[in-house]
N, C-alpha and C. Protein backbone atom coordinates (compact mmCIF):
# COMPACT_ATOMS: atom_id res chain seq x y z
N MET A 1 -72.43 16.15 6.35
CA MET A 1 -72.31 17.15 6.61
C MET A 1 -72.52 18.20 5.85
N LYS A 2 -73.32 19.05 6.05
CA LYS A 2 -72.85 20.40 5.09
C LYS A 2 -72.75 21.44 5.85
N CYS A 3 -71.18 22.20 5.44
CA CYS A 3 -70.73 22.77 5.71
C CYS A 3 -71.28 24.29 5.06
N PHE A 4 -71.34 25.78 6.18
CA PHE A 4 -71.26 26.95 5.28
C PHE A 4 -69.85 27.72 5.62
N GLN A 5 -69.63 28.47 4.32
CA GLN A 5 -68.48 28.94 4.23
C GLN A 5 -68.69 30.51 4.65
N LEU A 6 -68.06 31.38 5.70
CA LEU A 6 -68.22 32.53 5.79
C LEU A 6 -66.70 32.95 5.89
N ALA A 7 -67.20 34.44 5.77
CA ALA A 7 -65.43 34.96 5.91
C ALA A 7 -65.22 34.82 7.38
N ALA A 8 -63.95 35.36 8.05
CA ALA A 8 -62.95 35.61 9.14
C ALA A 8 -63.08 36.77 10.28
N LEU A 9 -63.48 36.32 11.43
CA LEU A 9 -62.53 37.41 12.51
C LEU A 9 -61.04 38.03 12.69
N VAL A 10 -60.83 39.18 12.75
CA VAL A 10 -59.03 39.27 12.97
C VAL A 10 -59.41 39.31 14.62
N LEU A 11 -58.14 38.91 14.88
CA LEU A 11 -57.71 38.96 16.36
C LEU A 11 -56.07 39.40 16.50
N CYS A 12 -56.16 40.00 17.17
CA CYS A 12 -54.45 40.07 17.32
C CYS A 12 -54.05 39.37 17.89
N ALA A 13 -52.66 38.88 17.55
CA ALA A 13 -51.56 37.56 18.49
C ALA A 13 -51.20 38.44 19.77
N VAL A 14 -51.07 37.47 20.45
CA VAL A 14 -50.60 37.86 22.10
C VAL A 14 -49.24 37.83 21.75
N ILE A 15 -48.54 39.02 22.55
CA ILE A 15 -46.90 38.62 23.05
C ILE A 15 -46.71 37.93 24.43
N VAL A 16 -45.94 37.19 23.98
CA VAL A 16 -45.99 36.82 25.73
C VAL A 16 -44.28 37.10 26.03
N TYR A 17 -44.04 37.35 27.15
CA TYR A 17 -42.80 37.75 27.92
C TYR A 17 -41.92 37.04 28.20
N SER A 18 -40.74 36.70 28.50
CA SER A 18 -40.34 35.72 29.27
C SER A 18 -39.70 36.22 30.40
N THR A 19 -39.91 35.51 31.59
CA THR A 19 -39.26 35.81 32.98
C THR A 19 -38.08 35.77 32.97
N ALA A 20 -37.55 35.27 32.23
CA ALA A 20 -36.03 35.44 32.51
C ALA A 20 -35.33 36.94 31.73
N ASP A 21 -35.80 37.21 31.04
CA ASP A 21 -34.86 38.54 30.86
C ASP A 21 -35.94 39.30 29.77
N TYR A 22 -37.43 39.44 29.95
CA TYR A 22 -38.01 40.25 29.76
C TYR A 22 -37.88 40.49 28.29
N GLN A 23 -37.50 39.78 27.42
CA GLN A 23 -37.40 39.77 26.09
C GLN A 23 -38.60 39.48 25.22
N PRO A 24 -39.38 39.78 24.34
CA PRO A 24 -40.68 39.72 23.80
C PRO A 24 -40.61 37.99 22.92
N ALA A 25 -41.00 37.28 23.47
CA ALA A 25 -41.23 35.77 22.90
C ALA A 25 -42.05 36.03 21.69
N PRO A 26 -41.36 34.70 20.86
CA PRO A 26 -42.29 34.34 19.09
C PRO A 26 -43.88 34.79 19.88
N SER A 27 -44.72 35.37 18.79
CA SER A 27 -45.90 35.36 19.25
C SER A 27 -46.83 34.13 17.99
N ALA A 28 -47.61 33.92 18.82
CA ALA A 28 -48.62 32.85 18.22
C ALA A 28 -50.31 33.70 17.58
N ALA A 29 -50.62 32.67 16.84
CA ALA A 29 -52.25 33.32 16.62
C ALA A 29 -52.57 33.26 18.05
N ALA A 30 -53.76 34.12 18.21
CA ALA A 30 -54.05 34.74 19.75
C ALA A 30 -55.54 33.10 19.11
N ARG A 31 -55.68 32.18 20.65
CA ARG A 31 -56.94 31.91 20.42
C ARG A 31 -57.63 31.75 21.85
N PRO A 32 -58.77 32.33 21.65
CA PRO A 32 -60.09 32.95 22.19
C PRO A 32 -59.78 31.97 23.83
N SER A 33 -60.22 32.73 24.64
CA SER A 33 -60.54 32.08 26.15
C SER A 33 -61.69 30.79 25.86
N PRO A 34 -61.80 30.22 26.95
CA PRO A 34 -63.23 29.39 26.17
C PRO A 34 -64.83 30.02 26.20
N TYR A 35 -64.86 30.59 26.87
CA TYR A 35 -66.08 31.48 26.63
C TYR A 35 -66.16 32.60 25.32
N SER A 36 -64.83 32.97 24.85
CA SER A 36 -64.69 33.56 23.79
C SER A 36 -65.87 32.24 22.34
N CYS A 37 -66.13 33.29 21.60
CA CYS A 37 -67.56 32.62 20.54
C CYS A 37 -67.24 34.07 19.34
N ILE A 38 -67.93 32.82 18.45
CA ILE A 38 -67.48 33.21 16.92
C ILE A 38 -68.88 34.03 16.59
N ASP A 39 -68.64 35.42 15.92
CA ASP A 39 -69.34 35.78 15.54
C ASP A 39 -69.95 35.72 14.21
N ILE A 40 -71.04 35.02 14.13
CA ILE A 40 -70.90 34.23 12.64
C ILE A 40 -71.67 35.57 11.57
N PHE A 41 -71.31 36.69 12.12
CA PHE A 41 -72.18 37.59 11.37
C PHE A 41 -71.33 38.94 10.87
N ASN A 42 -69.86 38.42 11.47
CA ASN A 42 -68.55 38.92 11.01
C ASN A 42 -67.87 38.47 9.76
N GLU A 43 -68.04 39.05 8.35
CA GLU A 43 -67.33 38.64 7.18
C GLU A 43 -66.03 38.13 7.83
N LYS A 44 -65.06 38.46 8.55
CA LYS A 44 -63.71 38.21 9.12
C LYS A 44 -63.71 37.44 10.27
N ALA A 45 -64.35 36.83 10.55
CA ALA A 45 -64.82 36.13 12.35
C ALA A 45 -63.53 35.04 12.38
N CYS A 46 -62.84 34.53 11.32
CA CYS A 46 -61.96 33.63 11.79
C CYS A 46 -60.63 33.96 10.86
N LYS A 47 -60.52 35.30 10.75
CA LYS A 47 -59.02 35.48 10.15
C LYS A 47 -57.87 36.04 11.46
N GLY A 48 -57.08 35.49 11.63
CA GLY A 48 -55.99 35.22 12.64
C GLY A 48 -56.61 34.48 14.11
N VAL A 49 -57.54 33.64 13.75
CA VAL A 49 -57.98 32.84 15.07
C VAL A 49 -57.28 31.58 14.54
N ALA A 50 -56.53 31.07 15.95
CA ALA A 50 -56.14 29.82 15.31
C ALA A 50 -57.13 28.95 14.99
N ASN A 51 -56.69 27.69 14.49
CA ASN A 51 -57.69 26.53 13.83
C ASN A 51 -58.44 26.15 15.02
N GLY A 52 -59.66 25.65 14.99
CA GLY A 52 -60.04 25.02 16.05
C GLY A 52 -61.67 25.59 16.04
N ASP A 53 -62.65 24.54 16.95
CA ASP A 53 -63.60 24.15 17.18
C ASP A 53 -64.01 25.63 18.54
N TYR A 54 -65.42 26.13 17.61
CA TYR A 54 -65.69 27.89 19.09
C TYR A 54 -67.09 27.27 19.24
N PRO A 55 -67.16 28.40 20.20
CA PRO A 55 -68.71 28.11 20.08
C PRO A 55 -69.48 29.51 19.33
N MET A 56 -70.76 29.71 19.21
CA MET A 56 -71.34 30.82 18.13
C MET A 56 -71.84 31.25 19.23
N CYS A 57 -71.77 32.92 18.66
CA CYS A 57 -72.23 34.00 19.77
C CYS A 57 -73.61 33.85 19.72
N SER A 58 -74.35 33.15 18.83
CA SER A 58 -75.73 33.17 18.56
C SER A 58 -76.36 31.94 17.83
N PHE A 59 -77.47 31.50 18.01
CA PHE A 59 -77.70 30.42 17.83
C PHE A 59 -76.80 29.39 18.50
N CYS A 60 -76.63 29.24 19.60
CA CYS A 60 -75.98 28.43 20.00
C CYS A 60 -76.80 27.08 20.62
N GLN A 61 -77.68 27.58 20.84
CA GLN A 61 -78.64 26.72 21.56
C GLN A 61 -79.69 25.60 20.27
N LEU A 62 -79.48 26.19 19.51
CA LEU A 62 -79.96 25.62 18.31
C LEU A 62 -78.80 23.83 17.88
N GLY A 63 -78.27 24.23 18.43
CA GLY A 63 -77.00 23.32 18.27
C GLY A 63 -76.04 22.98 17.05
N TYR A 64 -75.20 24.29 16.99
CA TYR A 64 -74.37 24.91 16.33
C TYR A 64 -73.14 25.14 16.39
N TYR A 65 -71.95 24.86 16.14
CA TYR A 65 -70.93 25.78 16.21
C TYR A 65 -70.18 26.09 15.35
N ALA A 66 -68.72 26.81 15.53
CA ALA A 66 -68.37 27.37 14.47
C ALA A 66 -66.62 26.55 14.45
N THR A 67 -66.53 25.93 12.96
CA THR A 67 -64.81 25.86 13.03
C THR A 67 -64.02 26.82 12.22
N CYS A 68 -62.93 27.16 12.81
CA CYS A 68 -62.13 28.19 12.31
C CYS A 68 -61.13 27.46 11.49
N SER A 69 -60.65 27.58 10.23
CA SER A 69 -59.65 26.67 9.64
C SER A 69 -58.99 27.76 7.77
N ASN A 70 -57.77 28.03 8.44
CA ASN A 70 -56.75 29.06 8.01
C ASN A 70 -57.86 29.93 7.56
N GLY A 71 -58.18 30.11 8.76
CA GLY A 71 -59.06 31.82 7.97
C GLY A 71 -60.38 31.61 7.76
N ILE A 72 -60.87 30.65 7.38
CA ILE A 72 -62.21 30.40 7.08
C ILE A 72 -63.12 29.76 7.97
N LEU A 73 -64.49 30.45 8.18
CA LEU A 73 -65.41 29.80 8.84
C LEU A 73 -66.57 28.62 8.39
N TYR A 74 -66.52 27.72 9.20
CA TYR A 74 -67.25 26.81 8.90
C TYR A 74 -68.16 26.61 9.83
N ILE A 75 -69.87 26.63 9.74
CA ILE A 75 -70.68 26.31 10.70
C ILE A 75 -71.03 24.96 10.22
N ARG A 76 -70.76 24.19 11.78
CA ARG A 76 -71.27 22.62 11.61
C ARG A 76 -72.52 22.12 12.88
N PRO A 77 -72.99 21.31 12.61
CA PRO A 77 -74.05 21.04 13.16
C PRO A 77 -73.83 20.09 14.40
N CYS A 78 -73.93 19.83 15.39
CA CYS A 78 -73.98 19.08 16.65
C CYS A 78 -74.87 17.57 16.45
N ALA A 79 -74.88 16.34 16.99
CA ALA A 79 -75.45 15.20 16.77
C ALA A 79 -77.10 15.65 17.45
N GLU A 80 -77.84 15.29 17.19
CA GLU A 80 -78.86 14.77 17.50
C GLU A 80 -78.66 13.58 18.76
N SER A 81 -79.67 14.50 19.96
CA SER A 81 -79.73 13.44 20.69
C SER A 81 -80.90 13.21 22.06
N TYR A 82 -81.27 12.37 22.38
CA TYR A 82 -82.37 12.35 23.04
C TYR A 82 -82.49 12.87 24.68
N TYR A 83 -83.91 13.53 24.90
CA TYR A 83 -83.61 14.22 26.09
C TYR A 83 -85.13 13.85 26.81
N TYR A 84 -85.31 14.04 28.08
CA TYR A 84 -86.35 14.00 29.05
C TYR A 84 -87.09 12.74 28.32
N GLY A 85 -86.19 11.64 28.94
CA GLY A 85 -86.71 10.18 28.69
C GLY A 85 -87.27 9.78 27.69
N ASN A 86 -86.16 10.36 26.99
CA ASN A 86 -86.49 9.87 24.77
C ASN A 86 -87.85 10.30 24.72
N GLN A 87 -88.10 11.83 25.43
CA GLN A 87 -89.70 12.41 24.77
C GLN A 87 -88.98 13.25 24.05
N LEU A 88 -87.81 13.82 23.32
CA LEU A 88 -87.37 14.90 22.93
C LEU A 88 -86.37 14.64 22.11
N VAL A 89 -86.35 14.81 21.00
CA VAL A 89 -84.68 14.28 20.04
C VAL A 89 -84.77 15.76 19.92
N ALA A 90 -83.49 16.66 19.95
CA ALA A 90 -82.87 17.65 20.06
C ALA A 90 -81.31 17.53 19.80
N ARG A 91 -80.34 18.54 19.03
CA ARG A 91 -79.06 19.02 18.87
C ARG A 91 -78.31 19.05 20.06
N MET A 92 -77.44 18.74 20.25
CA MET A 92 -76.62 18.21 21.30
C MET A 92 -76.15 19.96 21.35
N VAL A 93 -75.26 20.09 22.04
CA VAL A 93 -74.82 22.05 22.14
C VAL A 93 -73.08 21.99 22.28
N PHE A 94 -72.64 23.08 21.62
CA PHE A 94 -71.02 23.00 22.17
C PHE A 94 -70.67 23.68 23.37
N ASP A 95 -69.72 22.70 24.03
CA ASP A 95 -69.14 23.11 25.38
C ASP A 95 -67.76 23.62 25.23
N SER A 96 -67.72 24.99 25.56
CA SER A 96 -66.55 25.61 25.09
C SER A 96 -65.35 24.96 25.88
N TYR A 97 -65.04 24.37 27.07
CA TYR A 97 -64.69 23.78 27.63
C TYR A 97 -64.05 22.53 27.38
N THR A 98 -64.92 21.44 26.87
CA THR A 98 -64.72 20.25 26.15
C THR A 98 -64.20 20.41 24.77
N ARG A 99 -64.38 21.87 23.82
CA ARG A 99 -64.72 21.89 22.72
C ARG A 99 -65.10 20.64 21.73
N ASP A 100 -66.30 20.30 22.53
CA ASP A 100 -67.18 19.59 21.74
C ASP A 100 -68.43 19.25 22.38
N CYS A 101 -69.58 18.69 21.23
CA CYS A 101 -70.96 18.90 22.02
C CYS A 101 -71.64 17.86 22.61
N GLN A 102 -72.09 18.18 23.51
CA GLN A 102 -73.05 18.06 24.89
C GLN A 102 -73.91 18.09 25.16
N ARG A 103 -74.76 16.92 25.75
CA ARG A 103 -76.40 17.33 25.88
C ARG A 103 -76.45 18.94 26.59
N TYR A 104 -75.35 18.79 27.76
CA TYR A 104 -75.73 20.38 28.62
C TYR A 104 -74.13 20.85 28.79
N ALA A 105 -74.25 22.37 28.10
CA ALA A 105 -72.98 22.89 28.26
C ALA A 105 -73.53 24.63 29.14
N SER A 106 -72.51 24.56 30.13
CA SER A 106 -72.69 26.19 30.97
C SER A 106 -72.50 27.46 30.15
N ASN A 107 -71.75 27.15 28.80
CA ASN A 107 -71.73 28.01 28.37
C ASN A 107 -72.77 28.63 27.47
N CYS A 108 -73.94 27.82 26.89
CA CYS A 108 -75.11 27.55 26.18
C CYS A 108 -75.59 27.24 26.81
N PRO A 109 -77.02 27.92 27.86
CA PRO A 109 -77.85 27.40 28.61
C PRO A 109 -79.70 27.18 27.56
N ARG A 110 -80.03 26.02 27.82
CA ARG A 110 -81.37 26.05 26.91
C ARG A 110 -82.59 26.62 27.93
């Protein structure tokens, strides 16, 4: 598998407040919501983002997704699968809820 290295996106850490005494709790790297995507054209796309797999803002229909690892962006392909009664071979798409590649994903319609 071939990965492409791009720079990263800066996201602010979220401060969580304790319900007991309303003092700020320790913050951690913000993980985008399931529908948040990584902009591969931003040089700092993974800066400050939690390590993990994310949908790409563009080209998700082509079967690629983004992996952020220690502030570095890697673009990775989903596996190929058969569609329409074994008539068409195409890449699966990244599902932002299951965080893996599926034949169909609501966040990335074909």
